[in-house]
Protein backbone atom coordinates (compact mmCIF):
# COMPACT_ATOMS: atom_id res chain seq x y z
CA MET A 1 21.00 20.19 12.70
CA HIS A 2 18.99 18.34 10.08
CA GLY A 3 20.20 16.43 7.06
CA SER A 4 18.72 14.28 4.33
CA ARG A 5 19.85 11.64 1.90
CA ALA A 6 18.39 9.73 -1.04
CA ASP A 7 17.16 6.36 0.21
CA GLY A 8 15.90 4.03 -2.54
CA ALA A 9 13.51 5.04 -5.30
CA GLY A 10 12.90 8.65 -4.40
CA LEU A 11 12.93 7.89 -0.68
CA GLU A 12 14.41 10.53 1.59
CA ARG A 13 15.46 10.23 5.21
CA SER A 14 15.77 13.25 7.50
CA CYS A 15 17.62 12.79 10.75
CA SER A 16 17.06 15.05 13.75
CA GLY A 17 20.14 13.97 15.65
CA ALA A 18 18.15 14.06 18.92
CA GLY A 19 17.93 10.54 20.30
CA GLY A 20 18.38 9.06 16.85
CA SER A 21 14.92 10.17 15.68
CA TRP A 22 14.36 10.06 11.92
CA LEU A 23 11.66 10.35 9.26
CA GLU A 24 11.53 8.89 5.74
CA THR A 25 9.26 10.11 2.97
CA ALA A 26 8.34 7.73 0.13
CA PRO A 27 7.51 8.84 -3.43
CA ALA A 28 4.09 10.50 -3.43
CA ALA A 29 1.10 9.69 -5.63
CA PRO A 30 -1.77 12.08 -6.40
CA GLY A 31 -3.64 12.57 -3.13
CA ILE A 32 -1.47 10.12 -1.16
CA GLU A 33 1.68 10.72 0.87
CA ARG A 34 3.53 8.11 2.95
CA ILE A 35 6.09 8.29 5.73
CA GLU A 36 7.93 5.97 8.08
CA ALA A 37 9.41 7.49 11.23
CA PHE A 38 11.06 6.77 14.56
CA PHE A 39 10.85 9.19 17.47
CA GLN A 40 12.08 9.34 21.02
CA GLY A 41 10.47 11.86 23.31
CA ARG A 42 8.27 14.53 21.74
CA ALA A 43 7.55 14.03 18.05
CA TYR A 44 5.01 16.70 17.08
CA ALA A 45 3.48 19.77 18.68
CA PRO A 46 -0.33 20.09 18.52
CA HIS A 47 -1.43 20.58 14.93
CA ARG A 48 -4.10 19.61 12.41
CA HIS A 49 -4.15 18.82 8.69
CA ASP A 50 -6.84 18.51 6.04
CA THR A 51 -6.11 14.88 5.15
CA TYR A 52 -6.77 11.57 6.78
CA ALA A 53 -3.72 10.23 8.63
CA ILE A 54 -3.97 6.44 8.63
CA GLY A 55 -1.15 4.10 9.62
CA HIS A 56 0.11 1.55 12.10
CA THR A 57 2.53 1.42 15.00
CA MET A 58 5.48 -0.85 14.24
CA ALA A 59 7.35 -0.75 17.57
CA GLY A 60 7.11 0.94 20.96
CA VAL A 61 4.20 2.96 22.34
CA GLN A 62 2.81 5.77 20.18
CA CYS A 63 1.00 8.40 22.27
CA PHE A 64 -1.02 11.43 21.22
CA ASP A 65 -3.75 13.71 22.50
CA TYR A 66 -6.83 13.49 20.31
CA GLY A 67 -10.52 14.09 20.85
CA GLY A 68 -10.05 15.36 24.39
CA ALA A 69 -8.09 12.37 25.70
CA THR A 70 -4.65 10.77 25.59
CA ARG A 71 -4.51 7.83 23.17
CA HIS A 72 -2.01 4.95 23.10
CA SER A 73 -1.20 2.74 20.13
CA LEU A 74 0.84 -0.44 20.50
CA PRO A 75 2.50 -2.50 17.72
CA GLY A 76 -0.11 -3.84 15.31
CA ARG A 77 -2.73 -1.23 16.19
CA VAL A 78 -4.05 1.19 13.59
CA VAL A 79 -3.99 4.95 14.04
CA ALA A 80 -6.74 6.69 12.05
CA LEU A 81 -7.00 10.45 12.47
CA HIS A 82 -9.88 12.35 10.88
CA PRO A 83 -9.18 15.48 8.82
CA ASP A 84 -9.01 18.77 10.71
CA GLU A 85 -8.82 17.12 14.15
CA ARG A 86 -6.18 18.61 16.48
CA HIS A 87 -3.53 16.16 17.73
CA ASP A 88 0.12 15.88 18.74
CA GLY A 89 2.60 12.99 18.98
CA ARG A 90 5.15 11.59 21.42
CA ALA A 91 6.79 8.38 22.61
CA GLY A 92 5.11 6.52 25.46
CA THR A 93 8.39 5.05 26.74
CA GLU A 94 12.06 5.98 26.67
CA ALA A 95 12.63 3.39 23.95
CA GLY A 96 10.70 5.51 21.44
CA PHE A 97 8.22 4.40 18.80
CA ARG A 98 8.28 3.58 15.10
CA TYR A 99 5.35 3.83 12.70
CA ARG A 100 4.23 4.13 9.09
CA MET A 101 1.51 6.52 7.96
CA LEU A 102 -0.58 7.34 4.89
CA TYR A 103 -1.91 10.84 4.39
CA VAL A 104 -4.94 10.63 2.09
CA GLU A 105 -7.12 13.40 0.68
CA PRO A 106 -10.62 12.74 2.11
CA ALA A 107 -12.35 13.48 -1.20
CA LEU A 108 -10.65 10.42 -2.71
CA LEU A 109 -12.05 8.12 -0.02
CA GLN A 110 -15.50 9.69 -0.31
CA GLU A 111 -15.41 9.12 -4.08
CA ALA A 112 -14.53 5.46 -3.53
CA LEU A 113 -17.44 5.10 -1.08
CA GLY A 114 -19.99 6.56 -3.48
CA GLU A 115 -22.86 8.32 -1.71
CA ASN A 116 -21.58 7.65 1.82
CA ALA A 117 -19.98 10.30 4.02
CA ILE A 118 -16.34 9.90 5.00
CA PRO A 119 -15.96 7.62 8.05
CA PHE A 120 -14.85 8.73 11.51
CA VAL A 121 -12.86 6.32 13.72
CA ARG A 122 -13.72 7.22 17.31
CA GLY A 123 -10.70 7.61 19.56
CA GLY A 124 -8.21 7.56 16.69
CA VAL A 125 -6.91 4.04 17.48
CA SER A 126 -8.44 0.81 16.21
CA GLY A 127 -7.83 -2.90 16.53
CA ASP A 128 -10.35 -3.76 13.82
CA ARG A 129 -9.06 -6.74 11.86
CA ARG A 130 -10.28 -5.51 8.46
CA LEU A 131 -8.81 -2.05 8.90
CA ARG A 132 -5.52 -3.46 10.17
CA SER A 133 -5.25 -5.74 7.15
CA ALA A 134 -5.99 -2.92 4.68
CA VAL A 135 -3.52 -0.51 6.29
CA HIS A 136 -0.71 -3.07 6.54
CA SER A 137 -1.25 -4.02 2.89
CA ALA A 138 -1.29 -0.38 1.77
CA LEU A 139 2.03 0.31 3.49
CA ALA A 140 3.77 -3.02 2.86
CA ASP A 141 5.51 -1.75 -0.29
CA PHE A 142 6.49 1.57 1.34
CA PRO A 143 9.83 1.94 -0.54
CA ASP A 144 8.17 1.59 -3.95
CA SER A 145 6.46 4.20 -6.08
CA ILE A 146 2.67 3.87 -6.44
CA ASP A 147 1.38 3.49 -9.99
CA GLY A 148 -2.19 4.17 -11.07
CA LEU A 149 -3.56 0.67 -10.49
CA ARG A 150 -1.90 0.35 -7.10
CA ARG A 151 -3.20 3.77 -6.06
CA GLY A 152 -6.78 2.75 -6.87
CA GLU A 153 -6.38 -0.52 -4.98
CA ILE A 154 -5.10 1.29 -1.87
CA LEU A 155 -7.87 3.89 -1.89
CA LEU A 156 -10.69 1.37 -2.32
CA ALA A 157 -9.30 -1.02 0.30
CA ILE A 158 -8.82 1.75 2.88
CA ALA A 159 -12.24 3.28 2.15
CA GLU A 160 -14.09 -0.03 2.48
CA ALA A 161 -12.14 -1.01 5.60
CA LEU A 162 -12.95 2.33 7.23
CA ARG A 163 -16.58 1.85 6.26
CA ALA A 164 -16.67 -1.61 7.81
CA ALA A 165 -14.80 -0.56 10.97
CA THR A 166 -17.08 2.39 11.63
CA GLY A 167 -20.40 0.86 10.65
CA THR A 168 -20.96 3.11 7.64
CA PRO A 169 -23.77 1.62 5.49
CA ARG A 170 -22.63 -1.11 3.12
CA PRO A 171 -22.90 -0.40 -0.62
CA ALA A 172 -25.40 -2.31 -2.72
CA ARG A 173 -24.64 -5.88 -3.79
CA VAL A 174 -22.14 -6.04 -6.64
CA THR A 175 -23.58 -6.94 -10.04
CA ILE A 176 -20.90 -8.16 -12.43
CA ASP A 177 -20.68 -6.93 -16.01
CA ALA A 178 -18.94 -10.10 -17.20
CA PRO A 179 -17.99 -8.84 -20.71
CA ALA A 180 -16.44 -5.68 -19.22
CA VAL A 181 -14.39 -7.69 -16.71
CA ALA A 182 -13.30 -10.08 -19.46
CA ARG A 183 -12.13 -7.15 -21.62
CA VAL A 184 -10.06 -5.78 -18.76
CA ARG A 185 -8.56 -9.17 -17.96
CA GLY A 186 -7.60 -9.70 -21.61
CA PHE A 187 -6.18 -6.19 -21.89
CA LEU A 188 -3.98 -6.68 -18.83
CA LEU A 189 -2.67 -10.00 -20.13
CA ALA A 190 -1.82 -8.41 -23.48
CA ASN A 191 0.05 -5.48 -21.92
CA LEU A 192 2.24 -6.96 -19.21
CA ASP A 193 5.35 -5.20 -20.53
CA ARG A 194 4.07 -1.65 -20.19
CA PRO A 195 2.42 0.57 -17.55
CA VAL A 196 -1.37 0.45 -17.41
CA GLY A 197 -3.39 3.06 -15.52
CA SER A 198 -6.89 3.24 -14.12
CA THR A 199 -8.00 5.72 -16.80
CA THR A 200 -7.05 3.23 -19.51
CA LEU A 201 -9.02 0.45 -17.82
CA GLU A 202 -12.04 2.73 -17.51
CA ALA A 203 -11.93 3.20 -21.28
CA VAL A 204 -11.51 -0.54 -21.90
CA SER A 205 -14.34 -1.56 -19.58
CA GLY A 206 -16.76 1.33 -19.88
CA LEU A 207 -16.99 1.36 -16.07
CA ASP A 208 -15.70 3.89 -13.55
CA ARG A 209 -12.62 2.71 -11.64
CA TRP A 210 -14.47 1.97 -8.38
CA SER A 211 -17.20 -0.12 -10.03
CA LEU A 212 -14.56 -1.94 -12.05
CA ALA A 213 -12.44 -2.65 -8.98
CA ARG A 214 -15.40 -4.13 -7.09
CA GLN A 215 -16.62 -6.16 -10.06
CA PHE A 216 -13.14 -7.44 -10.93
CA ARG A 217 -12.58 -8.62 -7.36
CA ALA A 218 -16.01 -10.27 -7.26
CA ALA A 219 -15.32 -12.07 -10.57
CA CYS A 220 -11.58 -12.82 -10.29
CA GLY A 221 -11.00 -12.92 -6.55
CA THR A 222 -8.42 -10.15 -6.55
CA SER A 223 -7.85 -6.56 -7.64
CA PRO A 224 -6.78 -5.53 -11.17
CA TYR A 225 -3.44 -4.37 -9.74
CA ARG A 226 -2.77 -7.66 -7.95
CA PHE A 227 -3.83 -9.69 -10.99
CA PHE A 228 -1.53 -7.62 -13.22
CA THR A 229 1.43 -7.95 -10.82
CA MET A 230 1.05 -11.72 -10.45
CA ARG A 231 0.88 -12.24 -14.21
CA ARG A 232 4.05 -10.17 -14.57
CA LEU A 233 5.72 -12.39 -11.98
CA ASP A 234 4.52 -15.47 -13.89
CA ARG A 235 6.27 -14.11 -16.98
CA ALA A 236 9.43 -13.32 -15.02
CA ARG A 237 9.57 -16.85 -13.60
CA THR A 238 9.13 -18.36 -17.05
CA LEU A 239 11.99 -16.26 -18.43
CA ILE A 240 14.25 -17.09 -15.48
CA ARG A 241 13.62 -20.81 -16.00
CA GLN A 242 14.55 -20.33 -19.66
CA GLY A 243 17.93 -18.87 -18.68
CA ALA A 244 17.34 -15.11 -18.73
CA THR A 245 19.08 -13.05 -16.09
CA LEU A 246 17.08 -11.43 -13.30
CA ALA A 247 17.62 -7.99 -14.87
CA GLU A 248 16.46 -9.20 -18.29
CA SER A 249 13.44 -10.97 -16.82
CA SER A 250 12.47 -7.91 -14.78
CA LEU A 251 12.42 -5.56 -17.76
CA ALA A 252 10.71 -8.05 -20.08
CA ALA A 253 7.98 -8.58 -17.48
CA GLY A 254 7.30 -4.84 -17.19
CA PHE A 255 8.94 -4.06 -13.86
CA ALA A 256 10.78 -0.76 -13.45
CA ASP A 257 14.01 -2.55 -12.55
CA GLN A 258 15.40 -5.67 -10.91
CA SER A 259 14.98 -4.29 -7.38
CA HIS A 260 11.30 -3.64 -7.98
CA MET A 261 10.76 -7.16 -9.30
CA THR A 262 12.74 -8.65 -6.40
CA ARG A 263 10.56 -6.94 -3.78
CA GLN A 264 7.35 -8.01 -5.50
CA PHE A 265 8.65 -11.56 -6.01
CA LYS A 266 9.55 -11.97 -2.35
CA ARG A 267 6.18 -10.64 -1.20
CA ALA A 268 4.37 -13.02 -3.53
CA TYR A 269 6.40 -16.21 -3.00
CA GLY A 270 8.28 -15.77 0.27
CA LEU A 271 11.79 -15.94 -1.16
CA PRO A 272 13.87 -13.73 -3.47
CA PRO A 273 14.06 -14.58 -7.19
CA GLY A 274 17.78 -15.38 -7.00
CA ARG A 275 17.12 -18.06 -4.39
CA TRP A 276 14.14 -19.36 -6.36
CA ALA A 277 16.28 -19.58 -9.52
CA ALA A 278 19.03 -21.45 -7.65
CA LEU A 279 16.54 -23.98 -6.28
CA ASN A 280 15.10 -24.54 -9.75
CA ALA A 281 18.60 -24.99 -11.20
CA ALA A 282 19.48 -27.49 -8.45
CA HIS A 283 16.34 -29.50 -9.15
CA SER A 284 17.02 -29.53 -12.89
CA ALA A 285 20.59 -30.70 -12.32
CA THR A 286 19.38 -33.50 -10.04
CA ALA A 287 16.69 -34.58 -12.50
CA THR A 288 19.14 -34.85 -15.41
CA ALA A 289 21.96 -36.51 -13.45
């Protein structure tokens, strides 16, 4: 018997009951789906899908038949399955395996790569450092919804990491349109309290989203999404120091709710905002004593 329950912001968990296996589905974005799952024994019968399946093994041994051979992925390794390639899935030990996976429409990655064909990872398992970093980053905020800027960041990072890992030709050197980047930076700073999408930034900059993403990173050292998130966190910290509650600070800084801000805060600074606020309050009390 199967059952499901709401689990966070749109997250659903389905439990098989057999060996405690389960699968969670995060909120989808256009062209991107995400899951986290744990399986003991057989997970999937042989099948194929028309998307990339890109993820990482979190625990145990993840086994599957792919490309005419049995593949094994251990914790920290990346699984990258090409569209329309037949494969199955099972646990390599009795302890089972846990993993997270992105399912990405190949046309989106091809668009991000420009004129290059979509990359093919031979063997379906990779230890490439660049690909591992991009995949872990893309799935790090698995419980959260993906907004437009975050979606673009994920697609470009995965596309470029696949390109690098497979030896696909590198795109031409980035030339920065400094006024366009400056307009985008100013627009983001002026709109921290509301959602901003890639289409809006294309209109502000006059550049397509992939050119803008590459130029912004070359000029500012980070992606538009990351820059926007960190400036929101700067505003939240300022408000917290001024005595606002975490809920008030979250909304004023443009986060969907306090939980969303808390997750982003902890990823950015290594501790939750409540703990950070308490430490600041303790320092202030000591300084004025």
